[in-house]
Amino acid sequence: MKKLPVCLALILSALLACCQRPEEAVPPSSLLPKEKMVQLLVELHLNESRVEAAHLRADSSQALFNQLQKDMLWRHEVTDSAFWQSYRYYAVHNKDLDELYGIVLDSLAMRKAQLQH
């Protein structure tokens, strides 16, 4: 009898996944271009590294990261909602997010190589 709720949950999640197919997702009106998303994601991950390197307490780290993210979005003239809506849209389109993160990883690897020389 315990298997019944698990089976129903699996069937329900499969049905929901079918209803939210990536090719049917409507892009948000404020969708950021891939190039802009790459810039923001690279900077976001660099900020995360800076915060980790600071060795602060968890609450201070979170506050610093939030401020760095806010400053980053302000400098790029992007709203928080536009960034997260675009991120969610690209995440629904797995191949798009994979492509974005491939470029992000290459950019971060290039920066690391430049710093080591």
PDB file of N, CA and C in Angstrom:
ATOM      1  N   MET A   1       0.803  -1.201   0.000  1.00  0.00           N
ATOM      2  CA  MET A   1       0.000   0.000   0.000  1.00  0.00           C
ATOM      3  C   MET A   1       0.847   1.268   0.000  1.00  0.00           C
ATOM      4  N   LYS A   2       2.059   1.196   0.569  1.00  0.00           N
ATOM      5  CA  LYS A   2       2.907   2.386   0.595  1.00  0.00           C
ATOM      6  C   LYS A   2       3.410   2.745  -0.789  1.00  0.00           C
ATOM      7  N   LYS A   3       3.441   1.798  -1.689  1.00  0.00           N
ATOM      8  CA  LYS A   3       3.927   2.064  -3.038  1.00  0.00           C
ATOM      9  C   LYS A   3       2.930   2.887  -3.841  1.00  0.00           C
ATOM     10  N   LEU A   4       1.681   2.842  -3.499  1.00  0.00           N
ATOM     11  CA  LEU A   4       0.656   3.567  -4.244  1.00  0.00           C
ATOM     12  C   LEU A   4       0.910   5.076  -4.245  1.00  0.00           C
ATOM     13  N   PRO A   5       1.144   5.732  -3.096  1.00  0.00           N
ATOM     14  CA  PRO A   5       1.404   7.176  -3.138  1.00  0.00           C
ATOM     15  C   PRO A   5       2.668   7.521  -3.934  1.00  0.00           C
ATOM     16  N   VAL A   6       3.678   6.676  -3.843  1.00  0.00           N
ATOM     17  CA  VAL A   6       4.906   6.935  -4.592  1.00  0.00           C
ATOM     18  C   VAL A   6       4.632   6.845  -6.088  1.00  0.00           C
ATOM     19  N   CYS A   7       3.881   5.827  -6.499  1.00  0.00           N
ATOM     20  CA  CYS A   7       3.531   5.672  -7.916  1.00  0.00           C
ATOM     21  C   CYS A   7       2.693   6.844  -8.402  1.00  0.00           C
ATOM     22  N   LEU A   8       1.745   7.274  -7.585  1.00  0.00           N
ATOM     23  CA  LEU A   8       0.917   8.415  -7.969  1.00  0.00           C
ATOM     24  C   LEU A   8       1.762   9.687  -8.086  1.00  0.00           C
ATOM     25  N   ALA A   9       2.713   9.852  -7.181  1.00  0.00           N
ATOM     26  CA  ALA A   9       3.578  11.029  -7.238  1.00  0.00           C
ATOM     27  C   ALA A   9       4.432  11.004  -8.501  1.00  0.00           C
ATOM     28  N   LEU A  10       4.950   9.837  -8.874  1.00  0.00           N
ATOM     29  CA  LEU A  10       5.756   9.720 -10.081  1.00  0.00           C
ATOM     30  C   LEU A  10       4.933  10.005 -11.331  1.00  0.00           C
ATOM     31  N   ILE A  11       3.727   9.470 -11.365  1.00  0.00           N
ATOM     32  CA  ILE A  11       2.847   9.706 -12.511  1.00  0.00           C
ATOM     33  C   ILE A  11       2.485  11.183 -12.605  1.00  0.00           C
ATOM     34  N   LEU A  12       2.175  11.785 -11.469  1.00  0.00           N
ATOM     35  CA  LEU A  12       1.822  13.198 -11.455  1.00  0.00           C
ATOM     36  C   LEU A  12       2.993  14.060 -11.911  1.00  0.00           C
ATOM     37  N   SER A  13       4.204  13.755 -11.426  1.00  0.00           N
ATOM     38  CA  SER A  13       5.364  14.551 -11.844  1.00  0.00           C
ATOM     39  C   SER A  13       5.656  14.362 -13.328  1.00  0.00           C
ATOM     40  N   ALA A  14       5.436  13.154 -13.859  1.00  0.00           N
ATOM     41  CA  ALA A  14       5.631  12.918 -15.292  1.00  0.00           C
ATOM     42  C   ALA A  14       4.621  13.718 -16.111  1.00  0.00           C
ATOM     43  N   LEU A  15       3.379  13.745 -15.652  1.00  0.00           N
ATOM     44  CA  LEU A  15       2.358  14.525 -16.351  1.00  0.00           C
ATOM     45  C   LEU A  15       2.672  16.012 -16.322  1.00  0.00           C
ATOM     46  N   LEU A  16       3.144  16.500 -15.183  1.00  0.00           N
ATOM     47  CA  LEU A  16       3.505  17.914 -15.093  1.00  0.00           C
ATOM     48  C   LEU A  16       4.687  18.232 -15.989  1.00  0.00           C
ATOM     49  N   ALA A  17       5.640  17.326 -16.068  1.00  0.00           N
ATOM     50  CA  ALA A  17       6.798  17.547 -16.935  1.00  0.00           C
ATOM     51  C   ALA A  17       6.370  17.621 -18.394  1.00  0.00           C
ATOM     52  N   CYS A  18       5.407  16.807 -18.773  1.00  0.00           N
ATOM     53  CA  CYS A  18       4.913  16.840 -20.152  1.00  0.00           C
ATOM     54  C   CYS A  18       4.219  18.169 -20.454  1.00  0.00           C
ATOM     55  N   CYS A  19       3.553  18.722 -19.456  1.00  0.00           N
ATOM     56  CA  CYS A  19       2.846  19.973 -19.651  1.00  0.00           C
ATOM     57  C   CYS A  19       3.794  21.158 -19.743  1.00  0.00           C
ATOM     58  N   GLN A  20       5.012  21.023 -19.227  1.00  0.00           N
ATOM     59  CA  GLN A  20       5.958  22.123 -19.207  1.00  0.00           C
ATOM     60  C   GLN A  20       7.137  21.843 -20.124  1.00  0.00           C
ATOM     61  N   ARG A  21       6.864  21.415 -21.319  1.00  0.00           N
ATOM     62  CA  ARG A  21       7.934  21.101 -22.256  1.00  0.00           C
ATOM     63  C   ARG A  21       8.661  22.375 -22.641  1.00  0.00           C
ATOM     64  N   PRO A  22      10.000  22.318 -22.732  1.00  0.00           N
ATOM     65  CA  PRO A  22      10.787  23.515 -23.025  1.00  0.00           C
ATOM     66  C   PRO A  22      10.379  24.234 -24.298  1.00  0.00           C
ATOM     67  N   GLU A  23       9.997  23.479 -25.339  1.00  0.00           N
ATOM     68  CA  GLU A  23       9.658  24.147 -26.585  1.00  0.00           C
ATOM     69  C   GLU A  23       8.365  24.953 -26.484  1.00  0.00           C
ATOM     70  N   GLU A  24       7.604  24.743 -25.403  1.00  0.00           N
ATOM     71  CA  GLU A  24       6.368  25.483 -25.230  1.00  0.00           C
ATOM     72  C   GLU A  24       6.536  26.674 -24.293  1.00  0.00           C
ATOM     73  N   ALA A  25       7.679  26.776 -23.623  1.00  0.00           N
ATOM     74  CA  ALA A  25       7.888  27.873 -22.683  1.00  0.00           C
ATOM     75  C   ALA A  25       7.967  29.194 -23.427  1.00  0.00           C
ATOM     76  N   VAL A  26       7.223  30.145 -22.940  1.00  0.00           N
ATOM     77  CA  VAL A  26       7.183  31.465 -23.558  1.00  0.00           C
ATOM     78  C   VAL A  26       8.289  32.312 -22.940  1.00  0.00           C
ATOM     79  N   PRO A  27       9.132  32.927 -23.757  1.00  0.00           N
ATOM     80  CA  PRO A  27      10.193  33.753 -23.183  1.00  0.00           C
ATOM     81  C   PRO A  27       9.610  34.974 -22.478  1.00  0.00           C
ATOM     82  N   PRO A  28      10.201  35.354 -21.346  1.00  0.00           N
ATOM     83  CA  PRO A  28       9.709  36.557 -20.665  1.00  0.00           C
ATOM     84  C   PRO A  28       9.997  37.794 -21.508  1.00  0.00           C
ATOM     85  N   SER A  29       9.231  38.814 -21.311  1.00  0.00           N
ATOM     86  CA  SER A  29       9.413  40.036 -22.100  1.00  0.00           C
ATOM     87  C   SER A  29      10.771  40.684 -21.826  1.00  0.00           C
ATOM     88  N   SER A  30      11.311  40.424 -20.650  1.00  0.00           N
ATOM     89  CA  SER A  30      12.609  41.023 -20.286  1.00  0.00           C
ATOM     90  C   SER A  30      13.751  40.012 -20.418  1.00  0.00           C
ATOM     91  N   LEU A  31      13.612  39.037 -21.329  1.00  0.00           N
ATOM     92  CA  LEU A  31      14.638  38.004 -21.497  1.00  0.00           C
ATOM     93  C   LEU A  31      15.975  38.640 -21.869  1.00  0.00           C
ATOM     94  N   LEU A  32      16.993  38.315 -21.083  1.00  0.00           N
ATOM     95  CA  LEU A  32      18.331  38.828 -21.352  1.00  0.00           C
ATOM     96  C   LEU A  32      18.975  37.982 -22.441  1.00  0.00           C
ATOM     97  N   PRO A  33      19.705  38.614 -23.353  1.00  0.00           N
ATOM     98  CA  PRO A  33      20.402  37.838 -24.385  1.00  0.00           C
ATOM     99  C   PRO A  33      21.449  36.925 -23.741  1.00  0.00           C
ATOM    100  N   LYS A  34      21.786  35.862 -24.458  1.00  0.00           N
ATOM    101  CA  LYS A  34      22.730  34.886 -23.924  1.00  0.00           C
ATOM    102  C   LYS A  34      24.060  35.533 -23.555  1.00  0.00           C
ATOM    103  N   GLU A  35      24.539  36.459 -24.373  1.00  0.00           N
ATOM    104  CA  GLU A  35      25.821  37.108 -24.105  1.00  0.00           C
ATOM    105  C   GLU A  35      25.790  37.847 -22.766  1.00  0.00           C
ATOM    106  N   LYS A  36      24.689  38.529 -22.489  1.00  0.00           N
ATOM    107  CA  LYS A  36      24.537  39.270 -21.234  1.00  0.00           C
ATOM    108  C   LYS A  36      24.457  38.296 -20.056  1.00  0.00           C
ATOM    109  N   MET A  37      23.734  37.196 -20.248  1.00  0.00           N
ATOM    110  CA  MET A  37      23.635  36.198 -19.183  1.00  0.00           C
ATOM    111  C   MET A  37      25.008  35.610 -18.862  1.00  0.00           C
ATOM    112  N   VAL A  38      25.806  35.364 -19.886  1.00  0.00           N
ATOM    113  CA  VAL A  38      27.154  34.831 -19.662  1.00  0.00           C
ATOM    114  C   VAL A  38      27.964  35.814 -18.826  1.00  0.00           C
ATOM    115  N   GLN A  39      27.934  37.090 -19.194  1.00  0.00           N
ATOM    116  CA  GLN A  39      28.664  38.108 -18.426  1.00  0.00           C
ATOM    117  C   GLN A  39      28.247  38.102 -16.965  1.00  0.00           C
ATOM    118  N   LEU A  40      26.936  38.082 -16.758  1.00  0.00           N
ATOM    119  CA  LEU A  40      26.413  38.128 -15.392  1.00  0.00           C
ATOM    120  C   LEU A  40      26.766  36.866 -14.612  1.00  0.00           C
ATOM    121  N   LEU A  41      26.673  35.717 -15.249  1.00  0.00           N
ATOM    122  CA  LEU A  41      26.983  34.466 -14.554  1.00  0.00           C
ATOM    123  C   LEU A  41      28.467  34.371 -14.213  1.00  0.00           C
ATOM    124  N   VAL A  42      29.324  34.828 -15.108  1.00  0.00           N
ATOM    125  CA  VAL A  42      30.763  34.828 -14.820  1.00  0.00           C
ATOM    126  C   VAL A  42      31.023  35.709 -13.600  1.00  0.00           C
ATOM    127  N   GLU A  43      30.472  36.911 -13.621  1.00  0.00           N
ATOM    128  CA  GLU A  43      30.679  37.828 -12.500  1.00  0.00           C
ATOM    129  C   GLU A  43      30.061  37.282 -11.216  1.00  0.00           C
ATOM    130  N   LEU A  44      28.919  36.650 -11.324  1.00  0.00           N
ATOM    131  CA  LEU A  44      28.261  36.061 -10.158  1.00  0.00           C
ATOM    132  C   LEU A  44      29.149  35.002  -9.514  1.00  0.00           C
ATOM    133  N   HIS A  45      29.759  34.150 -10.325  1.00  0.00           N
ATOM    134  CA  HIS A  45      30.621  33.098  -9.786  1.00  0.00           C
ATOM    135  C   HIS A  45      31.929  33.670  -9.244  1.00  0.00           C
ATOM    136  N   LEU A  46      32.435  34.738  -9.854  1.00  0.00           N
ATOM    137  CA  LEU A  46      33.618  35.404  -9.303  1.00  0.00           C
ATOM    138  C   LEU A  46      33.297  36.025  -7.945  1.00  0.00           C
ATOM    139  N   ASN A  47      32.124  36.618  -7.825  1.00  0.00           N
ATOM    140  CA  ASN A  47      31.696  37.185  -6.540  1.00  0.00           C
ATOM    141  C   ASN A  47      31.582  36.091  -5.485  1.00  0.00           C
ATOM    142  N   GLU A  48      31.049  34.957  -5.882  1.00  0.00           N
ATOM    143  CA  GLU A  48      30.922  33.832  -4.953  1.00  0.00           C
ATOM    144  C   GLU A  48      32.309  33.399  -4.457  1.00  0.00           C
ATOM    145  N   SER A  49      33.283  33.353  -5.350  1.00  0.00           N
ATOM    146  CA  SER A  49      34.653  32.988  -4.968  1.00  0.00           C
ATOM    147  C   SER A  49      35.253  34.021  -4.024  1.00  0.00           C
ATOM    148  N   ARG A  50      35.001  35.295  -4.291  1.00  0.00           N
ATOM    149  CA  ARG A  50      35.515  36.358  -3.423  1.00  0.00           C
ATOM    150  C   ARG A  50      34.950  36.230  -2.007  1.00  0.00           C
ATOM    151  N   VAL A  51      33.669  35.943  -1.930  1.00  0.00           N
ATOM    152  CA  VAL A  51      33.019  35.809  -0.627  1.00  0.00           C
ATOM    153  C   VAL A  51      33.574  34.588   0.108  1.00  0.00           C
ATOM    154  N   GLU A  52      33.745  33.488  -0.587  1.00  0.00           N
ATOM    155  CA  GLU A  52      34.304  32.288   0.046  1.00  0.00           C
ATOM    156  C   GLU A  52      35.719  32.550   0.548  1.00  0.00           C
ATOM    157  N   ALA A  53      36.500  33.283  -0.235  1.00  0.00           N
ATOM    158  CA  ALA A  53      37.886  33.571   0.139  1.00  0.00           C
ATOM    159  C   ALA A  53      37.970  34.509   1.348  1.00  0.00           C
ATOM    160  N   ALA A  54      36.915  35.248   1.631  1.00  0.00           N
ATOM    161  CA  ALA A  54      36.911  36.174   2.759  1.00  0.00           C
ATOM    162  C   ALA A  54      36.787  35.454   4.102  1.00  0.00           C
ATOM    163  N   HIS A  55      36.353  34.219   4.090  1.00  0.00           N
ATOM    164  CA  HIS A  55      36.220  33.390   5.310  1.00  0.00           C
ATOM    165  C   HIS A  55      35.411  34.099   6.400  1.00  0.00           C
ATOM    166  N   LEU A  56      34.248  34.579   6.008  1.00  0.00           N
ATOM    167  CA  LEU A  56      33.360  35.253   6.950  1.00  0.00           C
ATOM    168  C   LEU A  56      32.371  34.255   7.543  1.00  0.00           C
ATOM    169  N   ARG A  57      31.682  34.687   8.588  1.00  0.00           N
ATOM    170  CA  ARG A  57      30.599  33.862   9.131  1.00  0.00           C
ATOM    171  C   ARG A  57      29.495  33.753   8.076  1.00  0.00           C
ATOM    172  N   ALA A  58      28.659  32.746   8.208  1.00  0.00           N
ATOM    173  CA  ALA A  58      27.640  32.461   7.188  1.00  0.00           C
ATOM    174  C   ALA A  58      26.730  33.656   6.926  1.00  0.00           C
ATOM    175  N   ASP A  59      26.258  34.301   7.989  1.00  0.00           N
ATOM    176  CA  ASP A  59      25.339  35.424   7.786  1.00  0.00           C
ATOM    177  C   ASP A  59      26.045  36.620   7.141  1.00  0.00           C
ATOM    178  N   SER A  60      27.292  36.855   7.507  1.00  0.00           N
ATOM    179  CA  SER A  60      28.058  37.941   6.891  1.00  0.00           C
ATOM    180  C   SER A  60      28.373  37.618   5.436  1.00  0.00           C
ATOM    181  N   SER A  61      28.694  36.353   5.165  1.00  0.00           N
ATOM    182  CA  SER A  61      28.956  35.933   3.787  1.00  0.00           C
ATOM    183  C   SER A  61      27.733  36.146   2.919  1.00  0.00           C
ATOM    184  N   GLN A  62      26.574  35.768   3.442  1.00  0.00           N
ATOM    185  CA  GLN A  62      25.339  35.923   2.678  1.00  0.00           C
ATOM    186  C   GLN A  62      25.041  37.396   2.419  1.00  0.00           C
ATOM    187  N   ALA A  63      25.242  38.228   3.422  1.00  0.00           N
ATOM    188  CA  ALA A  63      24.989  39.662   3.265  1.00  0.00           C
ATOM    189  C   ALA A  63      25.948  40.273   2.234  1.00  0.00           C
ATOM    190  N   LEU A  64      27.217  39.891   2.299  1.00  0.00           N
ATOM    191  CA  LEU A  64      28.190  40.395   1.339  1.00  0.00           C
ATOM    192  C   LEU A  64      27.850  39.937  -0.080  1.00  0.00           C
ATOM    193  N   PHE A  65      27.516  38.659  -0.225  1.00  0.00           N
ATOM    194  CA  PHE A  65      27.171  38.139  -1.548  1.00  0.00           C
ATOM    195  C   PHE A  65      25.947  38.859  -2.106  1.00  0.00           C
ATOM    196  N   ASN A  66      24.932  39.057  -1.285  1.00  0.00           N
ATOM    197  CA  ASN A  66      23.721  39.758  -1.739  1.00  0.00           C
ATOM    198  C   ASN A  66      24.041  41.179  -2.192  1.00  0.00           C
ATOM    199  N   GLN A  67      24.929  41.860  -1.461  1.00  0.00           N
ATOM    200  CA  GLN A  67      25.299  43.223  -1.839  1.00  0.00           C
ATOM    201  C   GLN A  67      26.094  43.229  -3.144  1.00  0.00           C
ATOM    202  N   LEU A  68      27.015  42.282  -3.291  1.00  0.00           N
ATOM    203  CA  LEU A  68      27.785  42.189  -4.537  1.00  0.00           C
ATOM    204  C   LEU A  68      26.877  41.902  -5.731  1.00  0.00           C
ATOM    205  N   GLN A  69      25.884  41.037  -5.518  1.00  0.00           N
ATOM    206  CA  GLN A  69      24.940  40.717  -6.593  1.00  0.00           C
ATOM    207  C   GLN A  69      24.106  41.949  -6.949  1.00  0.00           C
ATOM    208  N   LYS A  70      23.656  42.661  -5.941  1.00  0.00           N
ATOM    209  CA  LYS A  70      22.867  43.877  -6.178  1.00  0.00           C
ATOM    210  C   LYS A  70      23.688  44.904  -6.950  1.00  0.00           C
ATOM    211  N   ASP A  71      24.948  45.096  -6.538  1.00  0.00           N
ATOM    212  CA  ASP A  71      25.835  46.041  -7.225  1.00  0.00           C
ATOM    213  C   ASP A  71      26.088  45.615  -8.668  1.00  0.00           C
ATOM    214  N   MET A  72      26.286  44.317  -8.874  1.00  0.00           N
ATOM    215  CA  MET A  72      26.539  43.786 -10.214  1.00  0.00           C
ATOM    216  C   MET A  72      25.354  44.063 -11.137  1.00  0.00           C
ATOM    217  N   LEU A  73      24.161  43.766 -10.664  1.00  0.00           N
ATOM    218  CA  LEU A  73      22.967  43.986 -11.480  1.00  0.00           C
ATOM    219  C   LEU A  73      22.774  45.478 -11.771  1.00  0.00           C
ATOM    220  N   TRP A  74      23.057  46.317 -10.790  1.00  0.00           N
ATOM    221  CA  TRP A  74      22.932  47.759 -10.981  1.00  0.00           C
ATOM    222  C   TRP A  74      23.913  48.241 -12.054  1.00  0.00           C
ATOM    223  N   ARG A  75      25.175  47.785 -11.982  1.00  0.00           N
ATOM    224  CA  ARG A  75      26.188  48.192 -12.967  1.00  0.00           C
ATOM    225  C   ARG A  75      25.799  47.766 -14.377  1.00  0.00           C
ATOM    226  N   HIS A  76      25.167  46.592 -14.496  1.00  0.00           N
ATOM    227  CA  HIS A  76      24.777  46.085 -15.815  1.00  0.00           C
ATOM    228  C   HIS A  76      23.378  46.556 -16.229  1.00  0.00           C
ATOM    229  N   GLU A  77      22.761  47.374 -15.368  1.00  0.00           N
ATOM    230  CA  GLU A  77      21.418  47.908 -15.632  1.00  0.00           C
ATOM    231  C   GLU A  77      20.401  46.804 -15.895  1.00  0.00           C
ATOM    232  N   VAL A  78      20.425  45.809 -15.015  1.00  0.00           N
ATOM    233  CA  VAL A  78      19.520  44.661 -15.103  1.00  0.00           C
ATOM    234  C   VAL A  78      18.780  44.553 -13.774  1.00  0.00           C
ATOM    235  N   THR A  79      17.485  44.334 -13.841  1.00  0.00           N
ATOM    236  CA  THR A  79      16.734  44.153 -12.602  1.00  0.00           C
ATOM    237  C   THR A  79      16.900  42.728 -12.102  1.00  0.00           C
ATOM    238  N   ASP A  80      16.721  42.572 -10.816  1.00  0.00           N
ATOM    239  CA  ASP A  80      16.802  41.255 -10.198  1.00  0.00           C
ATOM    240  C   ASP A  80      15.787  40.305 -10.832  1.00  0.00           C
ATOM    241  N   SER A  81      14.571  40.799 -11.049  1.00  0.00           N
ATOM    242  CA  SER A  81      13.522  39.944 -11.626  1.00  0.00           C
ATOM    243  C   SER A  81      13.853  39.565 -13.067  1.00  0.00           C
ATOM    244  N   ALA A  82      14.413  40.490 -13.842  1.00  0.00           N
ATOM    245  CA  ALA A  82      14.782  40.170 -15.228  1.00  0.00           C
ATOM    246  C   ALA A  82      15.858  39.095 -15.255  1.00  0.00           C
ATOM    247  N   PHE A  83      16.832  39.188 -14.342  1.00  0.00           N
ATOM    248  CA  PHE A  83      17.890  38.185 -14.284  1.00  0.00           C
ATOM    249  C   PHE A  83      17.318  36.805 -13.954  1.00  0.00           C
ATOM    250  N   TRP A  84      16.497  36.734 -12.892  1.00  0.00           N
ATOM    251  CA  TRP A  84      15.989  35.420 -12.469  1.00  0.00           C
ATOM    252  C   TRP A  84      14.949  34.860 -13.440  1.00  0.00           C
ATOM    253  N   GLN A  85      14.152  35.709 -14.061  1.00  0.00           N
ATOM    254  CA  GLN A  85      13.215  35.220 -15.081  1.00  0.00           C
ATOM    255  C   GLN A  85      13.976  34.658 -16.271  1.00  0.00           C
ATOM    256  N   SER A  86      15.037  35.339 -16.675  1.00  0.00           N
ATOM    257  CA  SER A  86      15.863  34.863 -17.787  1.00  0.00           C
ATOM    258  C   SER A  86      16.557  33.562 -17.406  1.00  0.00           C
ATOM    259  N   TYR A  87      17.077  33.500 -16.184  1.00  0.00           N
ATOM    260  CA  TYR A  87      17.747  32.277 -15.727  1.00  0.00           C
ATOM    261  C   TYR A  87      16.782  31.092 -15.754  1.00  0.00           C
ATOM    262  N   ARG A  88      15.582  31.313 -15.239  1.00  0.00           N
ATOM    263  CA  ARG A  88      14.573  30.227 -15.236  1.00  0.00           C
ATOM    264  C   ARG A  88      14.207  29.812 -16.661  1.00  0.00           C
ATOM    265  N   TYR A  89      14.072  30.780 -17.556  1.00  0.00           N
ATOM    266  CA  TYR A  89      13.745  30.464 -18.940  1.00  0.00           C
ATOM    267  C   TYR A  89      14.844  29.604 -19.564  1.00  0.00           C
ATOM    268  N   TYR A  90      16.101  30.020 -19.400  1.00  0.00           N
ATOM    269  CA  TYR A  90      17.208  29.241 -19.960  1.00  0.00           C
ATOM    270  C   TYR A  90      17.324  27.878 -19.276  1.00  0.00           C
ATOM    271  N   ALA A  91      16.970  27.803 -17.992  1.00  0.00           N
ATOM    272  CA  ALA A  91      17.031  26.525 -17.275  1.00  0.00           C
ATOM    273  C   ALA A  91      15.987  25.544 -17.804  1.00  0.00           C
ATOM    274  N   VAL A  92      14.826  26.063 -18.198  1.00  0.00           N
ATOM    275  CA  VAL A  92      13.788  25.198 -18.764  1.00  0.00           C
ATOM    276  C   VAL A  92      14.271  24.626 -20.093  1.00  0.00           C
ATOM    277  N   HIS A  93      15.038  25.414 -20.809  1.00  0.00           N
ATOM    278  CA  HIS A  93      15.630  24.959 -22.068  1.00  0.00           C
ATOM    279  C   HIS A  93      17.026  24.427 -21.747  1.00  0.00           C
ATOM    280  N   ASN A  94      17.100  23.192 -21.312  1.00  0.00           N
ATOM    281  CA  ASN A  94      18.349  22.621 -20.802  1.00  0.00           C
ATOM    282  C   ASN A  94      19.538  22.861 -21.711  1.00  0.00           C
ATOM    283  N   LYS A  95      19.345  22.692 -23.007  1.00  0.00           N
ATOM    284  CA  LYS A  95      20.488  22.863 -23.912  1.00  0.00           C
ATOM    285  C   LYS A  95      20.976  24.302 -23.907  1.00  0.00           C
ATOM    286  N   ASP A  96      20.091  25.265 -23.706  1.00  0.00           N
ATOM    287  CA  ASP A  96      20.492  26.668 -23.635  1.00  0.00           C
ATOM    288  C   ASP A  96      21.332  26.929 -22.386  1.00  0.00           C
ATOM    289  N   LEU A  97      20.895  26.402 -21.249  1.00  0.00           N
ATOM    290  CA  LEU A  97      21.642  26.599 -20.015  1.00  0.00           C
ATOM    291  C   LEU A  97      22.980  25.871 -20.088  1.00  0.00           C
ATOM    292  N   ASP A  98      22.997  24.686 -20.683  1.00  0.00           N
ATOM    293  CA  ASP A  98      24.256  23.964 -20.872  1.00  0.00           C
ATOM    294  C   ASP A  98      25.215  24.775 -21.736  1.00  0.00           C
ATOM    295  N   GLU A  99      24.686  25.375 -22.784  1.00  0.00           N
ATOM    296  CA  GLU A  99      25.507  26.205 -23.672  1.00  0.00           C
ATOM    297  C   GLU A  99      26.054  27.417 -22.919  1.00  0.00           C
ATOM    298  N   LEU A 100      25.184  28.074 -22.145  1.00  0.00           N
ATOM    299  CA  LEU A 100      25.609  29.234 -21.371  1.00  0.00           C
ATOM    300  C   LEU A 100      26.720  28.860 -20.391  1.00  0.00           C
ATOM    301  N   TYR A 101      26.498  27.770 -19.655  1.00  0.00           N
ATOM    302  CA  TYR A 101      27.487  27.391 -18.648  1.00  0.00           C
ATOM    303  C   TYR A 101      28.763  26.853 -19.281  1.00  0.00           C
ATOM    304  N   GLY A 102      28.701  26.324 -20.478  1.00  0.00           N
ATOM    305  CA  GLY A 102      29.920  25.939 -21.186  1.00  0.00           C
ATOM    306  C   GLY A 102      30.791  27.162 -21.435  1.00  0.00           C
ATOM    307  N   ILE A 103      30.164  28.258 -21.855  1.00  0.00           N
ATOM    308  CA  ILE A 103      30.892  29.507 -22.104  1.00  0.00           C
ATOM    309  C   ILE A 103      31.387  30.103 -20.787  1.00  0.00           C
ATOM    310  N   VAL A 104      30.545  30.038 -19.749  1.00  0.00           N
ATOM    311  CA  VAL A 104      30.933  30.561 -18.433  1.00  0.00           C
ATOM    312  C   VAL A 104      32.168  29.820 -17.925  1.00  0.00           C
ATOM    313  N   LEU A 105      32.136  28.498 -18.003  1.00  0.00           N
ATOM    314  CA  LEU A 105      33.274  27.702 -17.526  1.00  0.00           C
ATOM    315  C   LEU A 105      34.537  27.996 -18.326  1.00  0.00           C
ATOM    316  N   ASP A 106      34.408  28.142 -19.631  1.00  0.00           N
ATOM    317  CA  ASP A 106      35.563  28.493 -20.467  1.00  0.00           C
ATOM    318  C   ASP A 106      36.120  29.865 -20.069  1.00  0.00           C
ATOM    319  N   SER A 107      35.238  30.823 -19.821  1.00  0.00           N
ATOM    320  CA  SER A 107      35.663  32.169 -19.427  1.00  0.00           C
ATOM    321  C   SER A 107      36.385  32.148 -18.085  1.00  0.00           C
ATOM    322  N   LEU A 108      35.847  31.397 -17.145  1.00  0.00           N
ATOM    323  CA  LEU A 108      36.478  31.305 -15.826  1.00  0.00           C
ATOM    324  C   LEU A 108      37.824  30.590 -15.924  1.00  0.00           C
ATOM    325  N   ALA A 109      37.906  29.560 -16.753  1.00  0.00           N
ATOM    326  CA  ALA A 109      39.169  28.836 -16.932  1.00  0.00           C
ATOM    327  C   ALA A 109      40.219  29.747 -17.570  1.00  0.00           C
ATOM    328  N   MET A 110      39.810  30.581 -18.523  1.00  0.00           N
ATOM    329  CA  MET A 110      40.742  31.529 -19.150  1.00  0.00           C
ATOM    330  C   MET A 110      41.264  32.553 -18.130  1.00  0.00           C
ATOM    331  N   ARG A 111      40.368  33.028 -17.293  1.00  0.00           N
ATOM    332  CA  ARG A 111      40.779  33.998 -16.260  1.00  0.00           C
ATOM    333  C   ARG A 111      41.767  33.350 -15.297  1.00  0.00           C
ATOM    334  N   LYS A 112      41.491  32.121 -14.929  1.00  0.00           N
ATOM    335  CA  LYS A 112      42.382  31.408 -14.010  1.00  0.00           C
ATOM    336  C   LYS A 112      43.755  31.218 -14.663  1.00  0.00           C
ATOM    337  N   ALA A 113      43.783  30.845 -15.924  1.00  0.00           N
ATOM    338  CA  ALA A 113      45.051  30.649 -16.638  1.00  0.00           C
ATOM    339  C   ALA A 113      45.817  31.966 -16.718  1.00  0.00           C
ATOM    340  N   GLN A 114      45.130  33.084 -16.961  1.00  0.00           N
ATOM    341  CA  GLN A 114      45.791  34.382 -17.056  1.00  0.00           C
ATOM    342  C   GLN A 114      46.394  34.780 -15.701  1.00  0.00           C
ATOM    343  N   LEU A 115      45.693  34.461 -14.614  1.00  0.00           N
ATOM    344  CA  LEU A 115      46.202  34.799 -13.285  1.00  0.00           C
ATOM    345  C   LEU A 115      47.412  33.950 -12.915  1.00  0.00           C
ATOM    346  N   GLN A 116      47.480  32.742 -13.427  1.00  0.00           N
ATOM    347  CA  GLN A 116      48.589  31.858 -13.081  1.00  0.00           C
ATOM    348  C   GLN A 116      49.851  32.207 -13.843  1.00  0.00           C
ATOM    349  N   HIS A 117      49.751  32.979 -14.922  1.00  0.00           N
ATOM    350  CA  HIS A 117      50.942  33.353 -15.703  1.00  0.00           C
ATOM    351  C   HIS A 117      51.503  34.654 -15.270  1.00  0.00           C
TER     352      HIS A 117
END
